[in-house]
């Protein structure tokens, strides 16, 4: 019979108390506990703790918070855009790229600024500023 460590015996006892397989035979565990004062003391402490915790019921409130949150979210009534404006912007960007690839033509600085002009126009089109800070957001307790 191998010598069991106090730690392995206590872990096995906790597993058995939780309804799991302890990993050692009950005879080996009982024999170790009978001869080990430290394990007896620890098991008494664990049993006392288990009794204290068993006397307390969990107070679990089941509250559905989604309706309260949903009512605070502002409704968007903006019109849904079709695909045409986005297709037009995509076509403009493709034409820009084709013209940019022409080796014999140099259109100058203004031509290089075209993408920087198209992007803000796109944000105006979809009516959303991705860099806007929303001052209406409030953290409540």
Protein backbone atom coordinates (compact mmCIF):
# COMPACT_ATOMS: atom_id res chain seq x y z
CA UNK A 1 0.00 0.00 0.00
CA UNK A 2 1.43 3.36 -1.03
CA UNK A 3 1.65 6.19 1.47
CA UNK A 4 -0.91 8.90 0.75
CA UNK A 5 -0.02 12.55 1.25
CA UNK A 6 -2.26 14.72 3.38
CA UNK A 7 -2.92 17.01 0.43
CA UNK A 8 -4.05 14.16 -1.84
CA UNK A 9 -6.30 12.77 0.91
CA UNK A 10 -7.95 16.15 1.49
CA UNK A 11 -8.45 16.68 -2.24
CA UNK A 12 -9.95 13.18 -2.52
CA UNK A 13 -12.30 13.88 0.40
CA UNK A 14 -13.43 17.18 -1.18
CA UNK A 15 -14.02 15.38 -4.49
CA UNK A 16 -16.07 12.71 -2.71
CA UNK A 17 -18.09 15.42 -0.90
CA UNK A 18 -18.83 17.01 -4.30
CA UNK A 19 -20.07 13.67 -5.65
CA UNK A 20 -17.00 12.97 -7.75
CA UNK A 21 -14.77 9.91 -7.78
CA UNK A 22 -12.09 10.42 -5.09
CA UNK A 23 -9.36 8.56 -7.00
CA UNK A 24 -8.42 6.36 -4.01
CA UNK A 25 -10.27 3.54 -2.34
CA UNK A 26 -12.37 4.54 0.64
CA UNK A 27 -10.41 2.09 2.81
CA UNK A 28 -7.09 3.78 2.01
CA UNK A 29 -8.58 7.19 2.75
CA UNK A 30 -10.16 6.04 6.01
CA UNK A 31 -6.91 4.39 7.11
CA UNK A 32 -4.90 7.57 6.46
CA UNK A 33 -7.44 9.80 8.19
CA UNK A 34 -7.58 7.49 11.22
CA UNK A 35 -3.82 7.81 11.71
CA UNK A 36 -3.32 11.49 10.76
CA UNK A 37 -4.28 14.17 13.27
CA UNK A 38 -3.66 16.95 10.72
CA UNK A 39 -6.14 15.46 8.23
CA UNK A 40 -8.73 14.88 10.96
CA UNK A 41 -8.45 18.53 12.00
CA UNK A 42 -8.69 19.80 8.40
CA UNK A 43 -11.69 17.57 7.63
CA UNK A 44 -13.49 18.88 10.75
CA UNK A 45 -12.83 22.45 9.57
CA UNK A 46 -14.09 21.64 6.06
CA UNK A 47 -17.23 19.97 7.46
CA UNK A 48 -17.92 22.98 9.69
CA UNK A 49 -17.50 25.30 6.71
CA UNK A 50 -19.78 23.11 4.64
CA UNK A 51 -22.46 23.27 7.35
CA UNK A 52 -22.21 27.07 7.52
CA UNK A 53 -22.50 27.40 3.75
CA UNK A 54 -25.35 24.89 3.56
CA UNK A 55 -27.37 27.06 5.95
CA UNK A 56 -27.28 30.00 3.55
CA UNK A 57 -29.48 30.17 0.54
CA UNK A 58 -28.27 31.92 -2.55
CA UNK A 59 -30.19 35.07 -3.22
CA UNK A 60 -30.33 35.13 -6.97
CA UNK A 61 -32.57 37.72 -8.49
CA UNK A 62 -33.63 37.03 -12.01
CA UNK A 63 -34.37 40.37 -13.55
CA UNK A 64 -34.71 40.94 -17.26
CA UNK A 65 -32.81 44.16 -17.88
CA UNK A 66 -33.22 44.24 -21.66
CA UNK A 67 -36.59 46.10 -21.74
CA UNK A 68 -35.19 48.92 -19.61
CA UNK A 69 -32.07 49.15 -21.76
CA UNK A 70 -34.01 48.93 -25.02
CA UNK A 71 -36.25 51.85 -24.01
CA UNK A 72 -33.18 54.06 -23.43
CA UNK A 73 -31.72 53.40 -26.89
CA UNK A 74 -32.82 56.14 -29.27
CA UNK A 75 -34.71 54.98 -32.32
CA UNK A 76 -33.13 55.82 -35.66
CA UNK A 77 -35.52 57.04 -38.25
CA UNK A 78 -33.01 57.77 -40.98
CA UNK A 79 -33.85 56.68 -44.46
CA UNK A 80 -32.16 53.57 -45.74
CA UNK A 81 -29.87 54.32 -48.66
CA UNK A 82 -29.90 52.21 -51.74
CA UNK A 83 -26.82 50.70 -53.29
CA UNK A 84 -26.55 53.32 -56.05
CA UNK A 85 -24.64 56.05 -54.15
CA UNK A 86 -22.12 53.50 -52.92
CA UNK A 87 -21.73 52.06 -56.41
CA UNK A 88 -21.09 55.57 -57.74
CA UNK A 89 -18.40 56.21 -55.13
CA UNK A 90 -16.83 52.83 -55.88
CA UNK A 91 -16.84 53.60 -59.59
CA UNK A 92 -15.20 56.99 -58.94
CA UNK A 93 -12.47 55.33 -56.89
CA UNK A 94 -11.84 52.71 -59.61
CA UNK A 95 -11.60 55.41 -62.28
CA UNK A 96 -9.22 57.35 -60.03
CA UNK A 97 -7.01 54.29 -59.59
CA UNK A 98 -6.94 53.59 -63.35
CA UNK A 99 -5.97 57.19 -64.09
CA UNK A 100 -3.33 57.06 -61.38
CA UNK A 101 -1.75 54.02 -63.03
CA UNK A 102 -1.25 55.78 -66.36
CA UNK A 103 2.53 56.30 -66.56
CA UNK A 104 2.59 59.14 -69.10
CA UNK A 105 0.20 61.46 -67.23
CA UNK A 106 0.88 63.49 -64.11
CA UNK A 107 -2.30 65.12 -62.82
CA UNK A 108 -0.63 67.06 -60.01
CA UNK A 109 -1.33 67.49 -56.33
CA UNK A 110 -5.08 68.09 -56.66
CA UNK A 111 -5.50 64.68 -58.25
CA UNK A 112 -3.73 63.05 -55.28
CA UNK A 113 -6.20 64.70 -52.89
CA UNK A 114 -9.26 63.15 -54.59
CA UNK A 115 -9.47 60.15 -52.18
CA UNK A 116 -9.25 62.51 -49.22
CA UNK A 117 -12.22 64.41 -50.63
CA UNK A 118 -14.26 61.30 -51.46
CA UNK A 119 -14.01 59.77 -47.98
CA UNK A 120 -15.62 62.74 -46.13
CA UNK A 121 -18.29 62.82 -48.82
CA UNK A 122 -18.96 59.16 -48.13
CA UNK A 123 -19.39 59.88 -44.42
CA UNK A 124 -21.76 62.72 -45.28
CA UNK A 125 -23.69 60.36 -47.50
CA UNK A 126 -24.21 57.79 -44.79
CA UNK A 127 -24.76 60.60 -42.23
CA UNK A 128 -22.41 59.15 -39.67
CA UNK A 129 -19.27 60.64 -38.25
CA UNK A 130 -17.00 57.84 -37.04
CA UNK A 131 -14.93 60.31 -35.00
CA UNK A 132 -17.83 61.91 -33.16
CA UNK A 133 -17.89 61.60 -29.38
CA UNK A 134 -21.38 61.00 -28.07
CA UNK A 135 -21.94 63.31 -25.08
CA UNK A 136 -25.29 61.65 -24.34
CA UNK A 137 -23.67 58.47 -23.06
CA UNK A 138 -23.90 58.40 -19.28
CA UNK A 139 -22.71 55.74 -16.87
CA UNK A 140 -25.28 55.26 -14.13
CA UNK A 141 -25.15 53.28 -10.93
